[in-house]
């Protein structure tokens, strides 16, 4: 079976990635989603318009490592936060935070676009610095909503609490959260729409949240459930 290595970058990185692939042996693209293809004696490389790179072949690890080195991305410690299960009728809403260097987690992307979540979870725990999971079971969500809290308010409180865990630890940490802006107390939090598909550490948090929810024993229905994933 051919070996494969996946790296995720942003669309703004595509011009630099194109230059790197132009130093290989360019190949004809075979799909509209592809930005560029190239090959080396050790592996084939596909750059997608999303910024995702797939390296296939026996030398995939070496070639992927060379691409990372040429990109020369400086280490950036990020606390990525994402949730899953927010708009579901049953089970918990899970909000996860992952602390790590984006460069060490470029194999991760939005869990909705990721198969074999349990395997990806191992990549996260191996290559990140810390993982935090807050799971609000269906009954807890009902209690909070019956007390007048909506899902935005509940999620914003949890995001603040996760970010507070790393304040005062003398760490230069950027906090990045998937989704539209919420009314958090921490004004330095950066909210990124579709961030789980752009920022690797948010993608890692997406994987951790999904893996926890997949393995949760909470299957109760939410009595206060509303068919809205982003209620106001």
Protein backbone atom coordinates (compact mmCIF):
# COMPACT_ATOMS: atom_id res chain seq x y z
CA UNK A 1 0.00 0.00 0.00
CA UNK A 2 1.32 3.41 -0.98
CA UNK A 3 2.35 5.66 1.88
CA UNK A 4 0.67 9.04 2.20
CA UNK A 5 1.33 12.25 4.08
CA UNK A 6 -1.10 15.17 4.28
CA UNK A 7 -0.19 18.79 5.06
CA UNK A 8 -2.71 21.62 5.48
CA UNK A 9 -1.90 25.23 4.71
CA UNK A 10 -4.03 28.31 4.05
CA UNK A 11 -4.97 29.73 0.66
CA UNK A 12 -2.53 32.59 1.25
CA UNK A 13 0.30 30.02 1.23
CA UNK A 14 -0.53 28.72 -2.26
CA UNK A 15 1.84 31.05 -4.22
CA UNK A 16 4.79 29.91 -2.08
CA UNK A 17 3.72 26.28 -2.34
CA UNK A 18 3.51 26.58 -6.12
CA UNK A 19 7.11 27.77 -6.24
CA UNK A 20 8.19 24.72 -4.25
CA UNK A 21 6.33 22.33 -6.57
CA UNK A 22 7.74 24.11 -9.63
CA UNK A 23 11.16 23.01 -8.40
CA UNK A 24 9.99 19.41 -8.80
CA UNK A 25 8.65 17.87 -12.01
CA UNK A 26 5.25 19.48 -12.71
CA UNK A 27 2.41 17.22 -13.87
CA UNK A 28 -0.97 17.90 -15.47
CA UNK A 29 -3.84 18.47 -13.04
CA UNK A 30 -6.67 15.95 -13.29
CA UNK A 31 -9.47 17.62 -11.28
CA UNK A 32 -10.92 21.12 -10.83
CA UNK A 33 -10.11 21.01 -7.11
CA UNK A 34 -6.38 20.71 -7.85
CA UNK A 35 -4.11 23.74 -7.97
CA UNK A 36 -0.99 21.91 -9.12
CA UNK A 37 0.62 18.47 -9.31
CA UNK A 38 4.28 17.46 -9.34
CA UNK A 39 6.47 14.44 -8.76
CA UNK A 40 9.88 13.53 -7.45
CA UNK A 41 11.72 10.20 -7.71
CA UNK A 42 10.39 9.40 -4.24
CA UNK A 43 6.77 10.61 -4.31
CA UNK A 44 3.99 12.44 -6.12
CA UNK A 45 2.64 15.72 -4.74
CA UNK A 46 -0.82 17.26 -5.23
CA UNK A 47 -1.61 20.81 -4.15
CA UNK A 48 -5.33 21.55 -3.83
CA UNK A 49 -6.98 24.96 -4.15
CA UNK A 50 -7.86 24.81 -0.45
CA UNK A 51 -4.16 24.78 0.48
CA UNK A 52 -4.12 21.07 1.28
CA UNK A 53 -1.15 19.03 0.05
CA UNK A 54 -1.20 15.26 -0.41
CA UNK A 55 2.15 13.48 -0.80
CA UNK A 56 2.03 9.85 -1.93
CA UNK A 57 4.79 7.30 -2.35
CA UNK A 58 7.48 5.48 -0.43
CA UNK A 59 9.29 8.75 0.19
CA UNK A 60 6.21 10.67 1.34
CA UNK A 61 7.58 11.42 4.82
CA UNK A 62 10.85 12.78 3.44
CA UNK A 63 9.22 14.85 0.69
CA UNK A 64 6.60 16.29 3.07
CA UNK A 65 9.34 17.18 5.53
CA UNK A 66 11.23 18.96 2.77
CA UNK A 67 8.14 21.01 1.89
CA UNK A 68 7.68 22.04 5.52
CA UNK A 69 11.33 23.03 5.74
CA UNK A 70 11.14 25.14 2.59
CA UNK A 71 7.98 26.85 3.82
CA UNK A 72 10.03 27.94 6.84
CA UNK A 73 7.01 28.53 9.03
CA UNK A 74 8.00 29.92 12.41
CA UNK A 75 6.74 28.03 15.48
CA UNK A 76 3.40 29.45 16.63
CA UNK A 77 1.77 28.19 19.80
CA UNK A 78 -2.00 28.27 19.31
CA UNK A 79 -4.90 27.30 21.54
CA UNK A 80 -7.46 26.05 19.04
CA UNK A 81 -11.07 25.58 20.17
CA UNK A 82 -13.94 23.88 18.39
CA UNK A 83 -17.24 22.18 19.24
CA UNK A 84 -19.40 19.37 17.96
CA UNK A 85 -22.93 18.22 18.73
CA UNK A 86 -24.25 21.72 19.26
CA UNK A 87 -27.38 21.36 17.15
CA UNK A 88 -28.06 17.67 17.74
CA UNK A 89 -31.27 16.32 19.28
CA UNK A 90 -29.46 13.74 21.40
CA UNK A 91 -26.25 13.46 23.35
CA UNK A 92 -23.66 15.97 24.52
CA UNK A 93 -22.33 19.19 23.11
CA UNK A 94 -18.56 18.83 23.27
CA UNK A 95 -16.17 21.77 23.26
CA UNK A 96 -12.49 20.92 22.96
CA UNK A 97 -9.31 22.95 23.21
CA UNK A 98 -5.94 21.86 21.85
CA UNK A 99 -2.69 23.66 22.62
CA UNK A 100 0.11 23.12 20.15
CA UNK A 101 2.39 24.39 17.39
CA UNK A 102 0.51 24.70 14.11
CA UNK A 103 3.51 23.21 12.26
CA UNK A 104 3.23 19.96 14.21
CA UNK A 105 -0.46 19.51 13.45
CA UNK A 106 -0.72 20.14 9.72
CA UNK A 107 -2.10 16.64 9.16
CA UNK A 108 -5.36 17.72 10.81
CA UNK A 109 -8.42 19.31 9.25
CA UNK A 110 -12.12 19.74 9.99
CA UNK A 111 -13.36 16.45 11.52
CA UNK A 112 -16.39 16.52 9.20
CA UNK A 113 -13.96 16.01 6.32
CA UNK A 114 -11.85 13.47 8.18
CA UNK A 115 -12.25 9.71 8.24
CA UNK A 116 -10.84 7.38 10.89
CA UNK A 117 -11.30 9.89 13.72
CA UNK A 118 -9.75 7.58 16.33
CA UNK A 119 -6.51 7.42 14.31
CA UNK A 120 -6.45 11.19 13.90
CA UNK A 121 -7.01 11.56 17.64
CA UNK A 122 -3.75 9.69 18.19
CA UNK A 123 -1.95 12.18 15.92
CA UNK A 124 -3.34 15.05 17.99
CA UNK A 125 -2.38 13.61 21.36
CA UNK A 126 1.09 12.71 20.08
CA UNK A 127 1.90 16.06 18.47
CA UNK A 128 0.13 18.63 20.69
CA UNK A 129 1.04 20.02 24.10
CA UNK A 130 -2.32 19.78 25.85
CA UNK A 131 -5.94 18.80 25.22
CA UNK A 132 -8.99 20.01 27.16
CA UNK A 133 -12.51 18.62 26.73
CA UNK A 134 -15.72 20.02 28.18
CA UNK A 135 -18.75 17.82 27.50
CA UNK A 136 -22.18 19.14 28.43
CA UNK A 137 -24.56 16.21 28.52
CA UNK A 138 -28.11 16.59 27.24
CA UNK A 139 -29.48 16.94 30.77
CA UNK A 140 -27.00 19.71 31.58
CA UNK A 141 -27.94 21.60 28.42
CA UNK A 142 -31.62 21.35 29.41
CA UNK A 143 -30.87 22.72 32.89
CA UNK A 144 -28.93 25.70 31.54
CA UNK A 145 -31.49 26.49 28.86
CA UNK A 146 -34.34 26.22 31.35
CA UNK A 147 -32.46 28.85 33.38
CA UNK A 148 -32.58 31.21 30.39
CA UNK A 149 -29.21 30.54 28.76
CA UNK A 150 -29.03 30.02 25.00
CA UNK A 151 -26.41 27.93 23.23
CA UNK A 152 -24.29 30.95 22.25
CA UNK A 153 -24.07 32.07 25.87
CA UNK A 154 -23.27 28.56 27.10
CA UNK A 155 -20.54 28.07 24.51
CA UNK A 156 -19.03 31.52 25.11
CA UNK A 157 -18.66 30.80 28.85
CA UNK A 158 -16.89 27.50 28.15
CA UNK A 159 -14.57 29.12 25.58
CA UNK A 160 -13.62 31.76 28.14
CA UNK A 161 -12.94 29.13 30.80
CA UNK A 162 -10.74 27.07 28.47
CA UNK A 163 -8.74 30.15 27.45
CA UNK A 164 -8.38 31.21 31.10
CA UNK A 165 -6.67 27.91 31.91
CA UNK A 166 -3.55 29.08 30.08
CA UNK A 167 -3.49 32.70 31.26
CA UNK A 168 -0.81 33.47 33.81
CA UNK A 169 1.40 30.58 32.71
CA UNK A 170 3.91 32.86 30.95
CA UNK A 171 3.04 31.35 27.57
CA UNK A 172 2.66 33.43 24.42
CA UNK A 173 -0.57 31.77 23.29
CA UNK A 174 -2.91 32.88 20.52
CA UNK A 175 -6.49 31.72 21.04
CA UNK A 176 -8.34 30.83 17.83
CA UNK A 177 -11.92 29.55 17.75
CA UNK A 178 -13.95 28.07 14.92
CA UNK A 179 -17.05 30.02 13.92
CA UNK A 180 -18.54 33.49 14.04
CA UNK A 181 -17.67 35.88 16.87
CA UNK A 182 -19.30 35.36 20.26
CA UNK A 183 -19.60 37.63 23.28
CA UNK A 184 -16.66 36.29 25.25
CA UNK A 185 -14.99 38.17 28.09
CA UNK A 186 -11.60 37.58 26.49
CA UNK A 187 -11.49 40.19 23.72
CA UNK A 188 -8.25 38.81 22.30
CA UNK A 189 -9.89 35.60 21.09
CA UNK A 190 -9.82 35.33 17.29
CA UNK A 191 -12.94 33.77 15.77
CA UNK A 192 -12.44 32.24 12.32
CA UNK A 193 -15.33 31.15 10.13
CA UNK A 194 -14.52 27.64 8.86
CA UNK A 195 -11.42 27.83 11.06
CA UNK A 196 -11.38 24.05 11.51
CA UNK A 197 -10.50 23.83 7.80
CA UNK A 198 -7.94 26.66 7.89
CA UNK A 199 -6.03 26.56 11.19
CA UNK A 200 -4.46 23.15 11.95
CA UNK A 201 -4.81 23.48 15.73
CA UNK A 202 -8.54 24.24 15.42
CA UNK A 203 -8.78 21.19 13.16
CA UNK A 204 -7.07 19.21 15.91
CA UNK A 205 -9.64 20.45 18.43
CA UNK A 206 -12.39 19.42 16.02
CA UNK A 207 -10.98 15.89 15.96
CA UNK A 208 -10.71 15.69 19.77
CA UNK A 209 -14.30 16.92 20.20
CA UNK A 210 -15.67 14.51 17.59
CA UNK A 211 -13.76 11.54 19.02
CA UNK A 212 -15.08 12.26 22.53
CA UNK A 213 -18.67 12.63 21.34
CA UNK A 214 -18.44 9.45 19.25
CA UNK A 215 -17.45 7.54 22.38
CA UNK A 216 -19.86 9.22 24.79
CA UNK A 217 -22.46 7.07 26.55
CA UNK A 218 -24.88 10.00 26.76
CA UNK A 219 -27.70 9.34 24.30
CA UNK A 220 -30.51 11.22 26.05
CA UNK A 221 -32.77 13.54 24.09
CA UNK A 222 -32.58 17.25 24.86
CA UNK A 223 -36.05 18.31 26.01
CA UNK A 224 -35.22 21.94 25.17
CA UNK A 225 -33.82 21.10 21.74
CA UNK A 226 -34.35 23.58 18.90
CA UNK A 227 -33.46 22.92 15.27
CA UNK A 228 -30.78 25.58 15.10
CA UNK A 229 -27.02 25.14 15.33
CA UNK A 230 -26.35 28.86 15.79
CA UNK A 231 -29.31 30.11 17.80
CA UNK A 232 -29.24 33.70 19.00
